Amino acid sequence: MLKRIKNLFVRRDEEGQGLVEYGLILGLIAVVAIAALNATGGSVNTLIQKVASSLTTVS
């Protein structure tokens, strides 16, 4: 009986560890995505403004 109880706690610890790892990976992906958007945000904004200005001159 004691062995079963120990096995329950060992499984929970491993599952918790996996959850923490997935959380860290998700956080790292979010940081990289935000950095990429900040790096390219200015050029994308400039491109959208050029397209918008060319559309208003055509109309």
PDB file of N, CA and C in Angstrom:
ATOM      1  N   MET A   1       0.818  -1.192   0.000  1.00  0.00           N
ATOM      2  CA  MET A   1       0.000   0.000   0.000  1.00  0.00           C
ATOM      3  C   MET A   1       0.871   1.269   0.000  1.00  0.00           C
ATOM      4  N   LEU A   2       1.918   1.257   0.787  1.00  0.00           N
ATOM      5  CA  LEU A   2       2.815   2.407   0.849  1.00  0.00           C
ATOM      6  C   LEU A   2       3.503   2.652  -0.491  1.00  0.00           C
ATOM      7  N   LYS A   3       3.810   1.556  -1.179  1.00  0.00           N
ATOM      8  CA  LYS A   3       4.450   1.672  -2.487  1.00  0.00           C
ATOM      9  C   LYS A   3       3.521   2.349  -3.503  1.00  0.00           C
ATOM     10  N   ARG A   4       2.237   2.032  -3.447  1.00  0.00           N
ATOM     11  CA  ARG A   4       1.266   2.656  -4.352  1.00  0.00           C
ATOM     12  C   ARG A   4       1.177   4.163  -4.118  1.00  0.00           C
ATOM     13  N   ILE A   5       1.179   4.543  -2.857  1.00  0.00           N
ATOM     14  CA  ILE A   5       1.095   5.962  -2.518  1.00  0.00           C
ATOM     15  C   ILE A   5       2.334   6.697  -3.012  1.00  0.00           C
ATOM     16  N   LYS A   6       3.509   6.098  -2.834  1.00  0.00           N
ATOM     17  CA  LYS A   6       4.739   6.712  -3.323  1.00  0.00           C
ATOM     18  C   LYS A   6       4.697   6.868  -4.838  1.00  0.00           C
ATOM     19  N   ASN A   7       4.180   5.859  -5.537  1.00  0.00           N
ATOM     20  CA  ASN A   7       4.082   5.927  -7.000  1.00  0.00           C
ATOM     21  C   ASN A   7       3.162   7.059  -7.444  1.00  0.00           C
ATOM     22  N   LEU A   8       2.105   7.306  -6.693  1.00  0.00           N
ATOM     23  CA  LEU A   8       1.205   8.406  -7.029  1.00  0.00           C
ATOM     24  C   LEU A   8       1.939   9.740  -6.975  1.00  0.00           C
ATOM     25  N   PHE A   9       2.729   9.944  -5.925  1.00  0.00           N
ATOM     26  CA  PHE A   9       3.443  11.214  -5.785  1.00  0.00           C
ATOM     27  C   PHE A   9       4.551  11.362  -6.813  1.00  0.00           C
ATOM     28  N   VAL A  10       5.193  10.281  -7.180  1.00  0.00           N
ATOM     29  CA  VAL A  10       6.259  10.349  -8.182  1.00  0.00           C
ATOM     30  C   VAL A  10       5.669  10.740  -9.524  1.00  0.00           C
ATOM     31  N   ARG A  11       4.548  10.195  -9.866  1.00  0.00           N
ATOM     32  CA  ARG A  11       3.907  10.543 -11.140  1.00  0.00           C
ATOM     33  C   ARG A  11       3.503  12.009 -11.166  1.00  0.00           C
ATOM     34  N   ARG A  12       2.980  12.498 -10.069  1.00  0.00           N
ATOM     35  CA  ARG A  12       2.567  13.900 -10.033  1.00  0.00           C
ATOM     36  C   ARG A  12       3.763  14.833 -10.186  1.00  0.00           C
ATOM     37  N   ASP A  13       4.873  14.474  -9.568  1.00  0.00           N
ATOM     38  CA  ASP A  13       6.068  15.300  -9.695  1.00  0.00           C
ATOM     39  C   ASP A  13       6.542  15.354 -11.137  1.00  0.00           C
ATOM     40  N   GLU A  14       6.520  14.234 -11.830  1.00  0.00           N
ATOM     41  CA  GLU A  14       6.957  14.210 -13.225  1.00  0.00           C
ATOM     42  C   GLU A  14       6.015  15.008 -14.106  1.00  0.00           C
ATOM     43  N   GLU A  15       4.722  14.910 -13.836  1.00  0.00           N
ATOM     44  CA  GLU A  15       3.764  15.667 -14.635  1.00  0.00           C
ATOM     45  C   GLU A  15       3.931  17.162 -14.391  1.00  0.00           C
ATOM     46  N   GLY A  16       4.179  17.547 -13.165  1.00  0.00           N
ATOM     47  CA  GLY A  16       4.400  18.949 -12.844  1.00  0.00           C
ATOM     48  C   GLY A  16       5.650  19.484 -13.517  1.00  0.00           C
ATOM     49  N   GLN A  17       6.672  18.654 -13.569  1.00  0.00           N
ATOM     50  CA  GLN A  17       7.908  19.060 -14.220  1.00  0.00           C
ATOM     51  C   GLN A  17       7.675  19.286 -15.707  1.00  0.00           C
ATOM     52  N   GLY A  18       6.925  18.404 -16.338  1.00  0.00           N
ATOM     53  CA  GLY A  18       6.618  18.560 -17.756  1.00  0.00           C
ATOM     54  C   GLY A  18       5.814  19.821 -18.019  1.00  0.00           C
ATOM     55  N   LEU A  19       4.885  20.109 -17.117  1.00  0.00           N
ATOM     56  CA  LEU A  19       4.071  21.309 -17.264  1.00  0.00           C
ATOM     57  C   LEU A  19       4.929  22.564 -17.151  1.00  0.00           C
ATOM     58  N   VAL A  20       5.860  22.563 -16.229  1.00  0.00           N
ATOM     59  CA  VAL A  20       6.761  23.704 -16.082  1.00  0.00           C
ATOM     60  C   VAL A  20       7.613  23.867 -17.336  1.00  0.00           C
ATOM     61  N   GLU A  21       8.097  22.770 -17.892  1.00  0.00           N
ATOM     62  CA  GLU A  21       8.905  22.848 -19.108  1.00  0.00           C
ATOM     63  C   GLU A  21       8.107  23.420 -20.267  1.00  0.00           C
ATOM     64  N   TYR A  22       6.856  22.977 -20.411  1.00  0.00           N
ATOM     65  CA  TYR A  22       6.020  23.527 -21.475  1.00  0.00           C
ATOM     66  C   TYR A  22       5.763  25.014 -21.249  1.00  0.00           C
ATOM     67  N   GLY A  23       5.585  25.413 -20.009  1.00  0.00           N
ATOM     68  CA  GLY A  23       5.386  26.827 -19.700  1.00  0.00           C
ATOM     69  C   GLY A  23       6.603  27.658 -20.055  1.00  0.00           C
ATOM     70  N   LEU A  24       7.791  27.139 -19.748  1.00  0.00           N
ATOM     71  CA  LEU A  24       9.019  27.860 -20.089  1.00  0.00           C
ATOM     72  C   LEU A  24       9.194  27.974 -21.598  1.00  0.00           C
ATOM     73  N   ILE A  25       8.894  26.916 -22.314  1.00  0.00           N
ATOM     74  CA  ILE A  25       9.001  26.947 -23.779  1.00  0.00           C
ATOM     75  C   ILE A  25       8.014  27.962 -24.356  1.00  0.00           C
ATOM     76  N   LEU A  26       6.791  27.963 -23.835  1.00  0.00           N
ATOM     77  CA  LEU A  26       5.783  28.911 -24.310  1.00  0.00           C
ATOM     78  C   LEU A  26       6.208  30.347 -24.026  1.00  0.00           C
ATOM     79  N   GLY A  27       6.780  30.568 -22.852  1.00  0.00           N
ATOM     80  CA  GLY A  27       7.269  31.908 -22.520  1.00  0.00           C
ATOM     81  C   GLY A  27       8.391  32.342 -23.432  1.00  0.00           C
ATOM     82  N   LEU A  28       9.301  31.433 -23.745  1.00  0.00           N
ATOM     83  CA  LEU A  28      10.411  31.751 -24.646  1.00  0.00           C
ATOM     84  C   LEU A  28       9.905  32.074 -26.047  1.00  0.00           C
ATOM     85  N   ILE A  29       8.936  31.313 -26.523  1.00  0.00           N
ATOM     86  CA  ILE A  29       8.358  31.581 -27.845  1.00  0.00           C
ATOM     87  C   ILE A  29       7.685  32.953 -27.850  1.00  0.00           C
ATOM     88  N   ALA A  30       6.998  33.300 -26.771  1.00  0.00           N
ATOM     89  CA  ALA A  30       6.336  34.608 -26.697  1.00  0.00           C
ATOM     90  C   ALA A  30       7.359  35.735 -26.725  1.00  0.00           C
ATOM     91  N   VAL A  31       8.458  35.582 -25.999  1.00  0.00           N
ATOM     92  CA  VAL A  31       9.500  36.616 -25.983  1.00  0.00           C
ATOM     93  C   VAL A  31      10.104  36.786 -27.372  1.00  0.00           C
ATOM     94  N   VAL A  32      10.383  35.680 -28.053  1.00  0.00           N
ATOM     95  CA  VAL A  32      10.957  35.747 -29.402  1.00  0.00           C
ATOM     96  C   VAL A  32       9.975  36.390 -30.370  1.00  0.00           C
ATOM     97  N   ALA A  33       8.695  36.044 -30.256  1.00  0.00           N
ATOM     98  CA  ALA A  33       7.690  36.625 -31.159  1.00  0.00           C
ATOM     99  C   ALA A  33       7.567  38.128 -30.937  1.00  0.00           C
ATOM    100  N   ILE A  34       7.573  38.557 -29.681  1.00  0.00           N
ATOM    101  CA  ILE A  34       7.471  39.989 -29.389  1.00  0.00           C
ATOM    102  C   ILE A  34       8.704  40.730 -29.906  1.00  0.00           C
ATOM    103  N   ALA A  35       9.873  40.144 -29.722  1.00  0.00           N
ATOM    104  CA  ALA A  35      11.099  40.770 -30.214  1.00  0.00           C
ATOM    105  C   ALA A  35      11.084  40.878 -31.735  1.00  0.00           C
ATOM    106  N   ALA A  36      10.599  39.844 -32.413  1.00  0.00           N
ATOM    107  CA  ALA A  36      10.539  39.871 -33.871  1.00  0.00           C
ATOM    108  C   ALA A  36       9.553  40.929 -34.360  1.00  0.00           C
ATOM    109  N   LEU A  37       8.422  41.047 -33.686  1.00  0.00           N
ATOM    110  CA  LEU A  37       7.445  42.062 -34.082  1.00  0.00           C
ATOM    111  C   LEU A  37       7.977  43.471 -33.840  1.00  0.00           C
ATOM    112  N   ASN A  38       8.686  43.661 -32.743  1.00  0.00           N
ATOM    113  CA  ASN A  38       9.274  44.980 -32.484  1.00  0.00           C
ATOM    114  C   ASN A  38      10.353  45.320 -33.506  1.00  0.00           C
ATOM    115  N   ALA A  39      11.118  44.324 -33.924  1.00  0.00           N
ATOM    116  CA  ALA A  39      12.196  44.570 -34.889  1.00  0.00           C
ATOM    117  C   ALA A  39      11.650  44.900 -36.273  1.00  0.00           C
ATOM    118  N   THR A  40      10.571  44.261 -36.664  1.00  0.00           N
ATOM    119  CA  THR A  40      10.027  44.464 -38.008  1.00  0.00           C
ATOM    120  C   THR A  40       8.828  45.395 -38.031  1.00  0.00           C
ATOM    121  N   GLY A  41       8.387  45.843 -36.876  1.00  0.00           N
ATOM    122  CA  GLY A  41       7.183  46.675 -36.809  1.00  0.00           C
ATOM    123  C   GLY A  41       7.292  47.963 -37.586  1.00  0.00           C
ATOM    124  N   GLY A  42       8.426  48.612 -37.515  1.00  0.00           N
ATOM    125  CA  GLY A  42       8.591  49.890 -38.219  1.00  0.00           C
ATOM    126  C   GLY A  42       8.540  49.732 -39.722  1.00  0.00           C
ATOM    127  N   SER A  43       9.185  48.708 -40.235  1.00  0.00           N
ATOM    128  CA  SER A  43       9.189  48.515 -41.685  1.00  0.00           C
ATOM    129  C   SER A  43       7.815  48.095 -42.199  1.00  0.00           C
ATOM    130  N   VAL A  44       7.101  47.298 -41.426  1.00  0.00           N
ATOM    131  CA  VAL A  44       5.747  46.896 -41.833  1.00  0.00           C
ATOM    132  C   VAL A  44       4.826  48.107 -41.810  1.00  0.00           C
ATOM    133  N   ASN A  45       4.962  48.943 -40.793  1.00  0.00           N
ATOM    134  CA  ASN A  45       4.135  50.153 -40.703  1.00  0.00           C
ATOM    135  C   ASN A  45       4.405  51.074 -41.888  1.00  0.00           C
ATOM    136  N   THR A  46       5.653  51.237 -42.262  1.00  0.00           N
ATOM    137  CA  THR A  46       6.015  52.075 -43.410  1.00  0.00           C
ATOM    138  C   THR A  46       5.414  51.516 -44.694  1.00  0.00           C
ATOM    139  N   LEU A  47       5.483  50.216 -44.859  1.00  0.00           N
ATOM    140  CA  LEU A  47       4.924  49.579 -46.050  1.00  0.00           C
ATOM    141  C   LEU A  47       3.416  49.774 -46.124  1.00  0.00           C
ATOM    142  N   ILE A  48       2.728  49.632 -45.016  1.00  0.00           N
ATOM    143  CA  ILE A  48       1.272  49.810 -45.004  1.00  0.00           C
ATOM    144  C   ILE A  48       0.919  51.260 -45.307  1.00  0.00           C
ATOM    145  N   GLN A  49       1.679  52.203 -44.797  1.00  0.00           N
ATOM    146  CA  GLN A  49       1.420  53.612 -45.080  1.00  0.00           C
ATOM    147  C   GLN A  49       1.631  53.926 -46.562  1.00  0.00           C
ATOM    148  N   LYS A  50       2.648  53.333 -47.183  1.00  0.00           N
ATOM    149  CA  LYS A  50       2.879  53.546 -48.617  1.00  0.00           C
ATOM    150  C   LYS A  50       1.719  53.001 -49.440  1.00  0.00           C
ATOM    151  N   VAL A  51       1.254  51.822 -49.073  1.00  0.00           N
ATOM    152  CA  VAL A  51       0.117  51.230 -49.794  1.00  0.00           C
ATOM    153  C   VAL A  51      -1.123  52.089 -49.613  1.00  0.00           C
ATOM    154  N   ALA A  52      -1.356  52.551 -48.393  1.00  0.00           N
ATOM    155  CA  ALA A  52      -2.538  53.382 -48.133  1.00  0.00           C
ATOM    156  C   ALA A  52      -2.474  54.700 -48.893  1.00  0.00           C
ATOM    157  N   SER A  53      -1.307  55.302 -48.942  1.00  0.00           N
ATOM    158  CA  SER A  53      -1.190  56.572 -49.665  1.00  0.00           C
ATOM    159  C   SER A  53      -1.349  56.366 -51.165  1.00  0.00           C
ATOM    160  N   SER A  54      -0.858  55.251 -51.686  1.00  0.00           N
ATOM    161  CA  SER A  54      -1.020  55.003 -53.120  1.00  0.00           C
ATOM    162  C   SER A  54      -2.479  54.697 -53.451  1.00  0.00           C
ATOM    163  N   LEU A  55      -3.210  54.093 -52.545  1.00  0.00           N
ATOM    164  CA  LEU A  55      -4.628  53.826 -52.792  1.00  0.00           C
ATOM    165  C   LEU A  55      -5.453  55.113 -52.771  1.00  0.00           C
ATOM    166  N   THR A  56      -5.091  56.042 -51.902  1.00  0.00           N
ATOM    167  CA  THR A  56      -5.843  57.302 -51.856  1.00  0.00           C
ATOM    168  C   THR A  56      -5.563  58.164 -53.080  1.00  0.00           C
ATOM    169  N   THR A  57      -4.365  58.084 -53.644  1.00  0.00           N
ATOM    170  CA  THR A  57      -4.074  58.864 -54.834  1.00  0.00           C
ATOM    171  C   THR A  57      -4.771  58.274 -56.063  1.00  0.00           C
ATOM    172  N   VAL A  58      -4.993  56.980 -56.084  1.00  0.00           N
ATOM    173  CA  VAL A  58      -5.677  56.341 -57.202  1.00  0.00           C
ATOM    174  C   VAL A  58      -7.163  56.661 -57.169  1.00  0.00           C
ATOM    175  N   SER A  59      -7.727  56.731 -55.977  1.00  0.00           N
ATOM    176  CA  SER A  59      -9.168  56.996 -55.837  1.00  0.00           C
ATOM    177  C   SER A  59      -9.424  58.376 -56.252  1.00  0.00           C
TER     178      SER A  59
END
